Amino acid sequence: MLQDIVLAEPRGFCAGVDRAIEIVERALHKFGAPIYVRHEIVHNTYVVNDLKAKGAIFIEELDDVPPGATLVFSAHGVSKAIQMEAQARGFQIFDATCPLVTKVHVEVAKLHKEGYEFIMIGHKGHPEVEGTMGQLTSGIHLVEDVADVAHVAPTQTTKLALVTQTTLSMDDAAAISAAVLARFPEVRSPKQQDICYATQNRQDAVKLLSTQVDIVIVVGSPTSSNSNRLREVAQKLGTDSYMVDSADELQPQWFEGKIQVGLTAGASAPEILVRQVIDRIKALGAVSVRTLDGIQETVKFPLPKGLKTDVSFP
């Protein structure tokens, strides 16, 4: 029967998500509702619905933003074309792109000027990938897995650089990177790997957690890349794993014959959802909760100009 709930450390919000949510909340506080946000500010249903209730309107097309409105770009980043169109329309813009995604954009722009083409490891259709690939009009080639590497056709190979979506599986990205290097030995790798510190830390924590429990529950929305990767990491280590958007999605049969339950949350999932999941698992029979030792994250990113610390902000 169920005994312990074991919490991964770290879990939940990262600095980029904290910053993005705060940008929307500060914009609402300073300018009043509505504030328009291009794409979900972060990939979490609870967070998006909470901000909607406060007056944020989430859109995909700039045609849906009225003249003179305040617009926030999501944490995933946007293409150059979207940036330029938004500026041309005269919106008041606040960019909530995670600074670690912006780092990749800056690297792409810098090396492009030096004549480089790019191979990007990432998931087709993900907004971060669309934003990074959209920094250029050509010369950036997407690979999603090792098999894709064989089909990449850059126009030259003497100046070829590798970039990565920040929320990938570290193990998968390493395998794809190795395949790229094997085919293009002169490829330039990032000075610092593009997979972000929070993604690394949460995957490392799940690897540790998975060895000590009978089942892993990941709190995260289906659209969240990093949350999906956490579930996959546990599953690949042979531990039954499930991802839930809320406590309501937990299925009692998952826990039949299980004693130790591991629990973590993606970088866009708030702690309140973790607490609700804990309460639900306790209702199913778990009697204790403990937290594994793990890295204490202290990273904090500055806010954009115009939304700096305001003593009247709640």
C-alpha atoms as a PDB file:
ATOM      1  CA  MET A   1       0.000   0.000   0.000  1.00  0.00           C
ATOM      2  CA  LEU A   2       1.039   3.608  -0.475  1.00  0.00           C
ATOM      3  CA  GLN A   3       3.468   4.940   2.114  1.00  0.00           C
ATOM      4  CA  ASP A   4       5.658   7.856   1.046  1.00  0.00           C
ATOM      5  CA  ILE A   5       5.475  10.763  -1.352  1.00  0.00           C
ATOM      6  CA  VAL A   6       9.006  11.734  -2.350  1.00  0.00           C
ATOM      7  CA  LEU A   7       9.440  15.226  -3.822  1.00  0.00           C
ATOM      8  CA  ALA A   8      12.135  16.016  -6.369  1.00  0.00           C
ATOM      9  CA  GLU A   9      14.345  19.032  -5.747  1.00  0.00           C
ATOM     10  CA  PRO A  10      14.388  21.297  -7.668  1.00  0.00           C
ATOM     11  CA  ARG A  11      10.959  21.243  -9.305  1.00  0.00           C
ATOM     12  CA  GLY A  12       8.453  23.743 -10.614  1.00  0.00           C
ATOM     13  CA  PHE A  13       8.979  27.338 -11.652  1.00  0.00           C
ATOM     14  CA  CYS A  14      12.330  28.433 -13.065  1.00  0.00           C
ATOM     15  CA  ALA A  15      13.648  31.987 -13.225  1.00  0.00           C
ATOM     16  CA  GLY A  16      12.484  32.492 -16.817  1.00  0.00           C
ATOM     17  CA  VAL A  17       8.916  31.469 -15.968  1.00  0.00           C
ATOM     18  CA  ASP A  18       8.876  33.614 -12.810  1.00  0.00           C
ATOM     19  CA  ARG A  19      10.018  36.590 -14.873  1.00  0.00           C
ATOM     20  CA  ALA A  20       7.505  36.041 -17.682  1.00  0.00           C
ATOM     21  CA  ILE A  21       4.530  35.788 -15.335  1.00  0.00           C
ATOM     22  CA  GLU A  22       5.700  38.834 -13.379  1.00  0.00           C
ATOM     23  CA  ILE A  23       5.991  40.855 -16.609  1.00  0.00           C
ATOM     24  CA  VAL A  24       2.324  40.208 -17.430  1.00  0.00           C
ATOM     25  CA  GLU A  25       1.188  40.905 -13.862  1.00  0.00           C
ATOM     26  CA  ARG A  26       3.196  44.134 -13.654  1.00  0.00           C
ATOM     27  CA  ALA A  27       1.904  45.263 -17.050  1.00  0.00           C
ATOM     28  CA  LEU A  28      -1.672  44.661 -15.872  1.00  0.00           C
ATOM     29  CA  HIS A  29      -0.961  46.553 -12.647  1.00  0.00           C
ATOM     30  CA  LYS A  30       0.672  49.508 -14.404  1.00  0.00           C
ATOM     31  CA  PHE A  31      -1.465  49.874 -17.537  1.00  0.00           C
ATOM     32  CA  GLY A  32      -4.683  48.092 -16.610  1.00  0.00           C
ATOM     33  CA  ALA A  33      -6.561  45.373 -18.461  1.00  0.00           C
ATOM     34  CA  PRO A  34      -6.521  44.211 -21.110  1.00  0.00           C
ATOM     35  CA  ILE A  35      -2.915  43.256 -21.764  1.00  0.00           C
ATOM     36  CA  TYR A  36      -2.387  41.193 -24.904  1.00  0.00           C
ATOM     37  CA  VAL A  37       0.023  38.247 -24.844  1.00  0.00           C
ATOM     38  CA  ARG A  38       1.223  36.546 -28.002  1.00  0.00           C
ATOM     39  CA  HIS A  39       0.945  32.800 -27.382  1.00  0.00           C
ATOM     40  CA  GLU A  40       0.562  31.282 -23.898  1.00  0.00           C
ATOM     41  CA  ILE A  41       3.001  33.181 -21.680  1.00  0.00           C
ATOM     42  CA  VAL A  42       4.224  29.800 -20.425  1.00  0.00           C
ATOM     43  CA  HIS A  43       2.850  26.350 -21.208  1.00  0.00           C
ATOM     44  CA  ASN A  44       0.648  25.791 -18.174  1.00  0.00           C
ATOM     45  CA  THR A  45      -3.142  25.756 -18.155  1.00  0.00           C
ATOM     46  CA  TYR A  46      -3.482  26.975 -14.544  1.00  0.00           C
ATOM     47  CA  VAL A  47      -1.120  29.925 -15.068  1.00  0.00           C
ATOM     48  CA  VAL A  48      -2.798  30.974 -18.322  1.00  0.00           C
ATOM     49  CA  ASN A  49      -6.301  30.786 -16.828  1.00  0.00           C
ATOM     50  CA  ASP A  50      -5.175  32.765 -13.765  1.00  0.00           C
ATOM     51  CA  LEU A  51      -3.777  35.544 -15.944  1.00  0.00           C
ATOM     52  CA  LYS A  52      -6.903  35.514 -18.135  1.00  0.00           C
ATOM     53  CA  ALA A  53      -8.955  36.120 -15.000  1.00  0.00           C
ATOM     54  CA  LYS A  54      -6.759  39.125 -14.210  1.00  0.00           C
ATOM     55  CA  GLY A  55      -7.262  40.645 -17.647  1.00  0.00           C
ATOM     56  CA  ALA A  56      -4.680  39.106 -19.987  1.00  0.00           C
ATOM     57  CA  ILE A  57      -5.869  38.204 -23.492  1.00  0.00           C
ATOM     58  CA  PHE A  58      -3.859  35.497 -25.253  1.00  0.00           C
ATOM     59  CA  ILE A  59      -3.626  35.752 -29.043  1.00  0.00           C
ATOM     60  CA  GLU A  60      -1.695  34.035 -31.814  1.00  0.00           C
ATOM     61  CA  GLU A  61      -2.090  36.621 -34.594  1.00  0.00           C
ATOM     62  CA  LEU A  62      -1.130  40.281 -34.319  1.00  0.00           C
ATOM     63  CA  ASP A  63      -4.304  41.133 -36.261  1.00  0.00           C
ATOM     64  CA  ASP A  64      -6.163  40.335 -33.027  1.00  0.00           C
ATOM     65  CA  VAL A  65      -4.381  43.123 -31.111  1.00  0.00           C
ATOM     66  CA  PRO A  66      -6.074  46.551 -31.342  1.00  0.00           C
ATOM     67  CA  PRO A  67      -4.056  49.687 -32.210  1.00  0.00           C
ATOM     68  CA  GLY A  68      -2.237  51.255 -29.280  1.00  0.00           C
ATOM     69  CA  ALA A  69      -2.478  48.141 -27.105  1.00  0.00           C
ATOM     70  CA  THR A  70       0.195  46.752 -24.802  1.00  0.00           C
ATOM     71  CA  LEU A  71       1.637  43.474 -26.084  1.00  0.00           C
ATOM     72  CA  VAL A  72       3.803  40.909 -24.300  1.00  0.00           C
ATOM     73  CA  PHE A  73       5.845  38.287 -26.132  1.00  0.00           C
ATOM     74  CA  SER A  74       5.779  34.877 -24.430  1.00  0.00           C
ATOM     75  CA  ALA A  75       8.730  33.243 -22.680  1.00  0.00           C
ATOM     76  CA  HIS A  76       9.362  31.084 -25.756  1.00  0.00           C
ATOM     77  CA  GLY A  77      10.477  33.988 -27.949  1.00  0.00           C
ATOM     78  CA  VAL A  78       9.302  35.142 -31.368  1.00  0.00           C
ATOM     79  CA  SER A  79      10.690  35.435 -34.874  1.00  0.00           C
ATOM     80  CA  LYS A  80      12.261  38.588 -36.292  1.00  0.00           C
ATOM     81  CA  ALA A  81       9.238  38.962 -38.565  1.00  0.00           C
ATOM     82  CA  ILE A  82       6.848  39.049 -35.587  1.00  0.00           C
ATOM     83  CA  GLN A  83       9.068  41.533 -33.745  1.00  0.00           C
ATOM     84  CA  MET A  84       9.242  43.855 -36.738  1.00  0.00           C
ATOM     85  CA  GLU A  85       5.521  43.649 -37.463  1.00  0.00           C
ATOM     86  CA  ALA A  86       4.619  44.399 -33.837  1.00  0.00           C
ATOM     87  CA  GLN A  87       6.946  47.402 -33.818  1.00  0.00           C
ATOM     88  CA  ALA A  88       5.550  48.650 -37.139  1.00  0.00           C
ATOM     89  CA  ARG A  89       2.025  48.489 -35.732  1.00  0.00           C
ATOM     90  CA  GLY A  90       3.069  50.732 -32.852  1.00  0.00           C
ATOM     91  CA  PHE A  91       2.194  48.444 -29.952  1.00  0.00           C
ATOM     92  CA  GLN A  92       3.769  49.052 -26.565  1.00  0.00           C
ATOM     93  CA  ILE A  93       5.877  45.891 -26.360  1.00  0.00           C
ATOM     94  CA  PHE A  94       7.347  44.027 -23.405  1.00  0.00           C
ATOM     95  CA  ASP A  95       9.462  41.013 -24.266  1.00  0.00           C
ATOM     96  CA  ALA A  96       9.111  38.135 -21.796  1.00  0.00           C
ATOM     97  CA  THR A  97      11.395  35.850 -23.811  1.00  0.00           C
ATOM     98  CA  CYS A  98      13.505  33.813 -21.395  1.00  0.00           C
ATOM     99  CA  PRO A  99      17.017  35.325 -21.369  1.00  0.00           C
ATOM    100  CA  LEU A 100      18.437  31.844 -22.002  1.00  0.00           C
ATOM    101  CA  VAL A 101      16.409  31.650 -25.218  1.00  0.00           C
ATOM    102  CA  THR A 102      17.521  35.176 -26.107  1.00  0.00           C
ATOM    103  CA  LYS A 103      21.126  33.971 -25.672  1.00  0.00           C
ATOM    104  CA  VAL A 104      20.525  31.452 -28.459  1.00  0.00           C
ATOM    105  CA  HIS A 105      18.968  34.158 -30.667  1.00  0.00           C
ATOM    106  CA  VAL A 106      21.967  36.434 -30.135  1.00  0.00           C
ATOM    107  CA  GLU A 107      24.380  33.617 -30.971  1.00  0.00           C
ATOM    108  CA  VAL A 108      22.483  32.837 -34.181  1.00  0.00           C
ATOM    109  CA  ALA A 109      22.512  36.495 -35.259  1.00  0.00           C
ATOM    110  CA  LYS A 110      26.218  36.882 -34.472  1.00  0.00           C
ATOM    111  CA  LEU A 111      27.359  33.757 -36.305  1.00  0.00           C
ATOM    112  CA  HIS A 112      25.032  34.422 -39.245  1.00  0.00           C
ATOM    113  CA  LYS A 113      26.897  37.675 -39.832  1.00  0.00           C
ATOM    114  CA  GLU A 114      30.094  35.601 -39.957  1.00  0.00           C
ATOM    115  CA  GLY A 115      28.631  33.415 -42.703  1.00  0.00           C
ATOM    116  CA  TYR A 116      27.451  30.425 -40.672  1.00  0.00           C
ATOM    117  CA  GLU A 117      24.570  28.101 -41.399  1.00  0.00           C
ATOM    118  CA  PHE A 118      22.883  26.288 -38.514  1.00  0.00           C
ATOM    119  CA  ILE A 119      21.579  22.901 -37.492  1.00  0.00           C
ATOM    120  CA  MET A 120      18.941  23.259 -34.794  1.00  0.00           C
ATOM    121  CA  ILE A 121      17.966  20.345 -32.553  1.00  0.00           C
ATOM    122  CA  GLY A 122      14.358  20.759 -31.494  1.00  0.00           C
ATOM    123  CA  HIS A 123      10.695  19.858 -31.905  1.00  0.00           C
ATOM    124  CA  LYS A 124       8.976  21.053 -35.070  1.00  0.00           C
ATOM    125  CA  GLY A 125       6.108  23.445 -34.348  1.00  0.00           C
ATOM    126  CA  HIS A 126       7.218  24.323 -30.825  1.00  0.00           C
ATOM    127  CA  PRO A 127       7.053  28.121 -30.403  1.00  0.00           C
ATOM    128  CA  GLU A 128      10.627  28.328 -29.119  1.00  0.00           C
ATOM    129  CA  VAL A 129      11.887  26.505 -32.207  1.00  0.00           C
ATOM    130  CA  GLU A 130       9.795  28.717 -34.485  1.00  0.00           C
ATOM    131  CA  GLY A 131      11.179  31.799 -32.741  1.00  0.00           C
ATOM    132  CA  THR A 132      14.809  30.700 -33.004  1.00  0.00           C
ATOM    133  CA  MET A 133      14.550  29.515 -36.610  1.00  0.00           C
ATOM    134  CA  GLY A 134      12.693  32.733 -37.382  1.00  0.00           C
ATOM    135  CA  GLN A 135      15.750  34.790 -36.487  1.00  0.00           C
ATOM    136  CA  LEU A 136      16.899  34.025 -40.048  1.00  0.00           C
ATOM    137  CA  THR A 137      15.125  33.793 -43.386  1.00  0.00           C
ATOM    138  CA  SER A 138      17.275  30.848 -44.522  1.00  0.00           C
ATOM    139  CA  GLY A 139      20.272  28.723 -43.580  1.00  0.00           C
ATOM    140  CA  ILE A 140      18.901  27.067 -40.442  1.00  0.00           C
ATOM    141  CA  HIS A 141      17.992  23.366 -40.601  1.00  0.00           C
ATOM    142  CA  LEU A 142      15.859  21.536 -38.014  1.00  0.00           C
ATOM    143  CA  VAL A 143      16.596  18.002 -36.823  1.00  0.00           C
ATOM    144  CA  GLU A 144      14.256  16.249 -34.394  1.00  0.00           C
ATOM    145  CA  ASP A 145      16.104  12.955 -33.972  1.00  0.00           C
ATOM    146  CA  VAL A 146      19.241  11.081 -34.971  1.00  0.00           C
ATOM    147  CA  ALA A 147      17.641   9.840 -38.207  1.00  0.00           C
ATOM    148  CA  ASP A 148      17.038  13.417 -39.372  1.00  0.00           C
ATOM    149  CA  VAL A 149      20.761  14.177 -39.286  1.00  0.00           C
ATOM    150  CA  ALA A 150      21.398  12.035 -42.368  1.00  0.00           C
ATOM    151  CA  HIS A 151      19.020  14.179 -44.426  1.00  0.00           C
ATOM    152  CA  VAL A 152      20.326  17.647 -43.526  1.00  0.00           C
ATOM    153  CA  ALA A 153      21.532  19.464 -46.637  1.00  0.00           C
ATOM    154  CA  PRO A 154      23.410  22.672 -45.775  1.00  0.00           C
ATOM    155  CA  THR A 155      24.797  24.632 -48.717  1.00  0.00           C
ATOM    156  CA  GLN A 156      28.298  24.424 -47.182  1.00  0.00           C
ATOM    157  CA  THR A 157      29.953  22.672 -44.243  1.00  0.00           C
ATOM    158  CA  THR A 158      32.983  24.819 -43.456  1.00  0.00           C
ATOM    159  CA  LYS A 159      30.891  27.239 -41.418  1.00  0.00           C
ATOM    160  CA  LEU A 160      28.212  25.218 -39.669  1.00  0.00           C
ATOM    161  CA  ALA A 161      27.003  25.772 -36.105  1.00  0.00           C
ATOM    162  CA  LEU A 162      24.786  23.756 -33.765  1.00  0.00           C
ATOM    163  CA  VAL A 163      22.006  25.235 -31.624  1.00  0.00           C
ATOM    164  CA  THR A 164      19.443  23.527 -29.410  1.00  0.00           C
ATOM    165  CA  GLN A 165      15.960  24.100 -28.044  1.00  0.00           C
ATOM    166  CA  THR A 166      16.449  24.870 -24.349  1.00  0.00           C
ATOM    167  CA  THR A 167      13.928  22.345 -22.983  1.00  0.00           C
ATOM    168  CA  LEU A 168      15.026  19.077 -24.603  1.00  0.00           C
ATOM    169  CA  SER A 169      15.978  15.788 -23.009  1.00  0.00           C
ATOM    170  CA  MET A 170      19.681  16.113 -22.236  1.00  0.00           C
ATOM    171  CA  ASP A 171      20.307  12.500 -23.206  1.00  0.00           C
ATOM    172  CA  ASP A 172      18.421  12.776 -26.515  1.00  0.00           C
ATOM    173  CA  ALA A 173      20.134  16.046 -27.382  1.00  0.00           C
ATOM    174  CA  ALA A 174      23.544  14.518 -26.624  1.00  0.00           C
ATOM    175  CA  ALA A 175      22.832  11.603 -28.967  1.00  0.00           C
ATOM    176  CA  ILE A 176      21.672  13.893 -31.771  1.00  0.00           C
ATOM    177  CA  SER A 177      24.643  16.228 -31.227  1.00  0.00           C
ATOM    178  CA  ALA A 178      26.982  13.245 -31.506  1.00  0.00           C
ATOM    179  CA  ALA A 179      25.344  12.248 -34.802  1.00  0.00           C
ATOM    180  CA  VAL A 180      25.736  15.798 -36.120  1.00  0.00           C
ATOM    181  CA  LEU A 181      29.401  15.848 -35.104  1.00  0.00           C
ATOM    182  CA  ALA A 182      29.993  12.468 -36.733  1.00  0.00           C
ATOM    183  CA  ARG A 183      28.576  13.697 -40.051  1.00  0.00           C
ATOM    184  CA  PHE A 184      29.967  17.241 -39.831  1.00  0.00           C
ATOM    185  CA  PRO A 185      33.228  17.037 -37.838  1.00  0.00           C
ATOM    186  CA  GLU A 186      33.868  20.770 -38.200  1.00  0.00           C
ATOM    187  CA  VAL A 187      30.492  21.821 -36.772  1.00  0.00           C
ATOM    188  CA  ARG A 188      30.717  24.537 -34.141  1.00  0.00           C
ATOM    189  CA  SER A 189      29.050  23.654 -30.831  1.00  0.00           C
ATOM    190  CA  PRO A 190      27.721  26.321 -28.453  1.00  0.00           C
ATOM    191  CA  LYS A 191      30.290  27.728 -26.004  1.00  0.00           C
ATOM    192  CA  GLN A 192      27.846  26.760 -23.292  1.00  0.00           C
ATOM    193  CA  GLN A 193      25.230  24.144 -24.114  1.00  0.00           C
ATOM    194  CA  ASP A 194      21.851  25.618 -24.978  1.00  0.00           C
ATOM    195  CA  ILE A 195      19.755  23.323 -22.764  1.00  0.00           C
ATOM    196  CA  CYS A 196      18.966  25.573 -19.813  1.00  0.00           C
ATOM    197  CA  TYR A 197      20.077  25.116 -16.215  1.00  0.00           C
ATOM    198  CA  ALA A 198      16.504  24.497 -15.030  1.00  0.00           C
ATOM    199  CA  THR A 199      15.903  21.750 -17.590  1.00  0.00           C
ATOM    200  CA  GLN A 200      19.183  20.076 -16.623  1.00  0.00           C
ATOM    201  CA  ASN A 201      18.525  20.362 -12.897  1.00  0.00           C
ATOM    202  CA  ARG A 202      14.986  18.980 -13.103  1.00  0.00           C
ATOM    203  CA  GLN A 203      16.036  16.055 -15.305  1.00  0.00           C
ATOM    204  CA  ASP A 204      18.947  15.237 -12.980  1.00  0.00           C
ATOM    205  CA  ALA A 205      16.564  15.352 -10.002  1.00  0.00           C
ATOM    206  CA  VAL A 206      14.136  12.972 -11.733  1.00  0.00           C
ATOM    207  CA  LYS A 207      16.970  10.554 -12.514  1.00  0.00           C
ATOM    208  CA  LEU A 208      17.788  10.466  -8.795  1.00  0.00           C
ATOM    209  CA  LEU A 209      14.123  10.262  -7.807  1.00  0.00           C
ATOM    210  CA  SER A 210      13.328   7.417 -10.214  1.00  0.00           C
ATOM    211  CA  THR A 211      15.773   5.052  -8.512  1.00  0.00           C
ATOM    212  CA  GLN A 212      14.005   5.446  -5.157  1.00  0.00           C
ATOM    213  CA  VAL A 213      10.311   5.179  -6.013  1.00  0.00           C
ATOM    214  CA  ASP A 214       7.805   2.845  -7.679  1.00  0.00           C
ATOM    215  CA  ILE A 215       6.012   5.505  -9.732  1.00  0.00           C
ATOM    216  CA  VAL A 216       6.739   9.093 -10.814  1.00  0.00           C
ATOM    217  CA  ILE A 217       4.060  11.748 -11.252  1.00  0.00           C
ATOM    218  CA  VAL A 218       5.007  14.861 -13.214  1.00  0.00           C
ATOM    219  CA  VAL A 219       2.838  17.947 -12.799  1.00  0.00           C
ATOM    220  CA  GLY A 220       2.713  19.785 -16.115  1.00  0.00           C
ATOM    221  CA  SER A 221       0.530  20.663 -19.081  1.00  0.00           C
ATOM    222  CA  PRO A 222       0.554  18.564 -22.284  1.00  0.00           C
ATOM    223  CA  THR A 223       2.016  21.490 -24.266  1.00  0.00           C
ATOM    224  CA  SER A 224       4.984  21.851 -21.902  1.00  0.00           C
ATOM    225  CA  SER A 225       8.102  20.433 -23.550  1.00  0.00           C
ATOM    226  CA  ASN A 226      10.190  20.279 -20.378  1.00  0.00           C
ATOM    227  CA  SER A 227       7.371  18.554 -18.453  1.00  0.00           C
ATOM    228  CA  ASN A 228       7.021  15.896 -21.151  1.00  0.00           C
ATOM    229  CA  ARG A 229      10.772  15.317 -21.037  1.00  0.00           C
ATOM    230  CA  LEU A 230      10.652  14.731 -17.255  1.00  0.00           C
ATOM    231  CA  ARG A 231       8.076  11.980 -17.693  1.00  0.00           C
ATOM    232  CA  GLU A 232      10.166  10.424 -20.475  1.00  0.00           C
ATOM    233  CA  VAL A 233      13.327  10.494 -18.332  1.00  0.00           C
ATOM    234  CA  ALA A 234      11.602   8.511 -15.574  1.00  0.00           C
ATOM    235  CA  GLN A 235       9.997   6.102 -18.042  1.00  0.00           C
ATOM    236  CA  LYS A 236      13.311   5.391 -19.773  1.00  0.00           C
ATOM    237  CA  LEU A 237      14.798   4.463 -16.396  1.00  0.00           C
ATOM    238  CA  GLY A 238      12.103   1.805 -16.026  1.00  0.00           C
ATOM    239  CA  THR A 239       9.852   3.627 -13.557  1.00  0.00           C
ATOM    240  CA  ASP A 240       6.152   3.935 -14.314  1.00  0.00           C
ATOM    241  CA  SER A 241       5.515   7.622 -14.954  1.00  0.00           C
ATOM    242  CA  TYR A 242       2.524   9.811 -15.718  1.00  0.00           C
ATOM    243  CA  MET A 243       2.004  13.508 -16.380  1.00  0.00           C
ATOM    244  CA  VAL A 244      -1.023  15.384 -15.045  1.00  0.00           C
ATOM    245  CA  ASP A 245      -2.256  18.922 -15.561  1.00  0.00           C
ATOM    246  CA  SER A 246      -4.060  18.837 -12.227  1.00  0.00           C
ATOM    247  CA  ALA A 247      -4.867  16.552  -9.299  1.00  0.00           C
ATOM    248  CA  ASP A 248      -8.187  15.655 -10.953  1.00  0.00           C
ATOM    249  CA  GLU A 249      -6.317  13.663 -13.611  1.00  0.00           C
ATOM    250  CA  LEU A 250      -4.740  11.221 -11.140  1.00  0.00           C
ATOM    251  CA  GLN A 251      -6.054   7.669 -11.622  1.00  0.00           C
ATOM    252  CA  PRO A 252      -6.296   5.423  -8.514  1.00  0.00           C
ATOM    253  CA  GLN A 253      -5.277   2.339 -10.511  1.00  0.00           C
ATOM    254  CA  TRP A 254      -1.856   3.892 -11.201  1.00  0.00           C
ATOM    255  CA  PHE A 255      -0.993   3.458  -7.531  1.00  0.00           C
ATOM    256  CA  GLU A 256      -2.129  -0.138  -7.065  1.00  0.00           C
ATOM    257  CA  GLY A 257       0.763  -2.147  -5.637  1.00  0.00           C
ATOM    258  CA  LYS A 258       2.949   0.966  -5.298  1.00  0.00           C
ATOM    259  CA  ILE A 259       4.618   2.000  -2.033  1.00  0.00           C
ATOM    260  CA  GLN A 260       6.830   4.988  -2.870  1.00  0.00           C
ATOM    261  CA  VAL A 261       5.472   7.790  -5.094  1.00  0.00           C
ATOM    262  CA  GLY A 262       7.857  10.277  -6.690  1.00  0.00           C
ATOM    263  CA  LEU A 263       6.534  13.718  -7.516  1.00  0.00           C
ATOM    264  CA  THR A 264       7.998  16.558  -9.562  1.00  0.00           C
ATOM    265  CA  ALA A 265       6.776  19.492 -11.650  1.00  0.00           C
ATOM    266  CA  GLY A 266       7.821  21.060 -14.924  1.00  0.00           C
ATOM    267  CA  ALA A 267       9.421  24.487 -15.000  1.00  0.00           C
ATOM    268  CA  SER A 268       6.103  26.149 -15.882  1.00  0.00           C
ATOM    269  CA  ALA A 269       3.975  24.368 -13.235  1.00  0.00           C
ATOM    270  CA  PRO A 270       3.159  26.297 -10.025  1.00  0.00           C
ATOM    271  CA  GLU A 271       3.680  24.805  -6.583  1.00  0.00           C
ATOM    272  CA  ILE A 272      -0.026  25.117  -5.741  1.00  0.00           C
ATOM    273  CA  LEU A 273      -0.696  22.292  -8.231  1.00  0.00           C
ATOM    274  CA  VAL A 274       1.974  20.140  -6.567  1.00  0.00           C
ATOM    275  CA  ARG A 275       0.277  20.694  -3.187  1.00  0.00           C
ATOM    276  CA  GLN A 276      -3.092  19.692  -4.629  1.00  0.00           C
ATOM    277  CA  VAL A 277      -1.561  16.516  -6.092  1.00  0.00           C
ATOM    278  CA  ILE A 278       0.002  15.719  -2.711  1.00  0.00           C
ATOM    279  CA  ASP A 279      -3.409  16.073  -1.041  1.00  0.00           C
ATOM    280  CA  ARG A 280      -4.993  13.770  -3.599  1.00  0.00           C
ATOM    281  CA  ILE A 281      -2.309  11.084  -3.229  1.00  0.00           C
ATOM    282  CA  LYS A 282      -2.681  11.308   0.560  1.00  0.00           C
ATOM    283  CA  ALA A 283      -6.389  10.724   0.101  1.00  0.00           C
ATOM    284  CA  LEU A 284      -5.460   7.545  -1.784  1.00  0.00           C
ATOM    285  CA  GLY A 285      -3.460   6.317   1.209  1.00  0.00           C
ATOM    286  CA  ALA A 286       0.000   7.936   1.308  1.00  0.00           C
ATOM    287  CA  VAL A 287       0.995   8.858   4.866  1.00  0.00           C
ATOM    288  CA  SER A 288       4.216  10.875   4.640  1.00  0.00           C
ATOM    289  CA  VAL A 289       5.965  13.448   2.459  1.00  0.00           C
ATOM    290  CA  ARG A 290       9.699  13.999   2.202  1.00  0.00           C
ATOM    291  CA  THR A 291      11.929  16.000  -0.123  1.00  0.00           C
ATOM    292  CA  LEU A 292      15.135  14.732  -1.670  1.00  0.00           C
ATOM    293  CA  ASP A 293      18.263  16.810  -1.340  1.00  0.00           C
ATOM    294  CA  GLY A 294      18.954  18.755  -4.502  1.00  0.00           C
ATOM    295  CA  ILE A 295      20.348  21.910  -6.047  1.00  0.00           C
ATOM    296  CA  GLN A 296      18.991  25.151  -4.611  1.00  0.00           C
ATOM    297  CA  GLU A 297      18.418  27.505  -7.524  1.00  0.00           C
ATOM    298  CA  THR A 298      19.149  31.193  -6.966  1.00  0.00           C
ATOM    299  CA  VAL A 299      19.014  32.458 -10.569  1.00  0.00           C
ATOM    300  CA  LYS A 300      16.933  35.622 -11.087  1.00  0.00           C
ATOM    301  CA  PHE A 301      16.520  37.549 -14.333  1.00  0.00           C
ATOM    302  CA  PRO A 302      15.943  41.328 -14.523  1.00  0.00           C
ATOM    303  CA  LEU A 303      12.663  42.796 -15.707  1.00  0.00           C
ATOM    304  CA  PRO A 304      12.394  44.886 -18.888  1.00  0.00           C
ATOM    305  CA  LYS A 305      12.715  48.655 -18.671  1.00  0.00           C
ATOM    306  CA  GLY A 306       9.374  50.209 -17.862  1.00  0.00           C
ATOM    307  CA  LEU A 307       8.411  47.390 -15.486  1.00  0.00           C
ATOM    308  CA  LYS A 308      11.194  47.681 -12.927  1.00  0.00           C
ATOM    309  CA  THR A 309      10.577  47.351  -9.218  1.00  0.00           C
ATOM    310  CA  ASP A 310       7.597  49.429  -8.206  1.00  0.00           C
ATOM    311  CA  VAL A 311       6.970  49.827  -4.476  1.00  0.00           C
ATOM    312  CA  SER A 312       3.219  49.921  -5.122  1.00  0.00           C
ATOM    313  CA  PHE A 313       3.247  46.536  -6.885  1.00  0.00           C
ATOM    314  CA  PRO A 314       1.598  43.934  -4.633  1.00  0.00           C
END
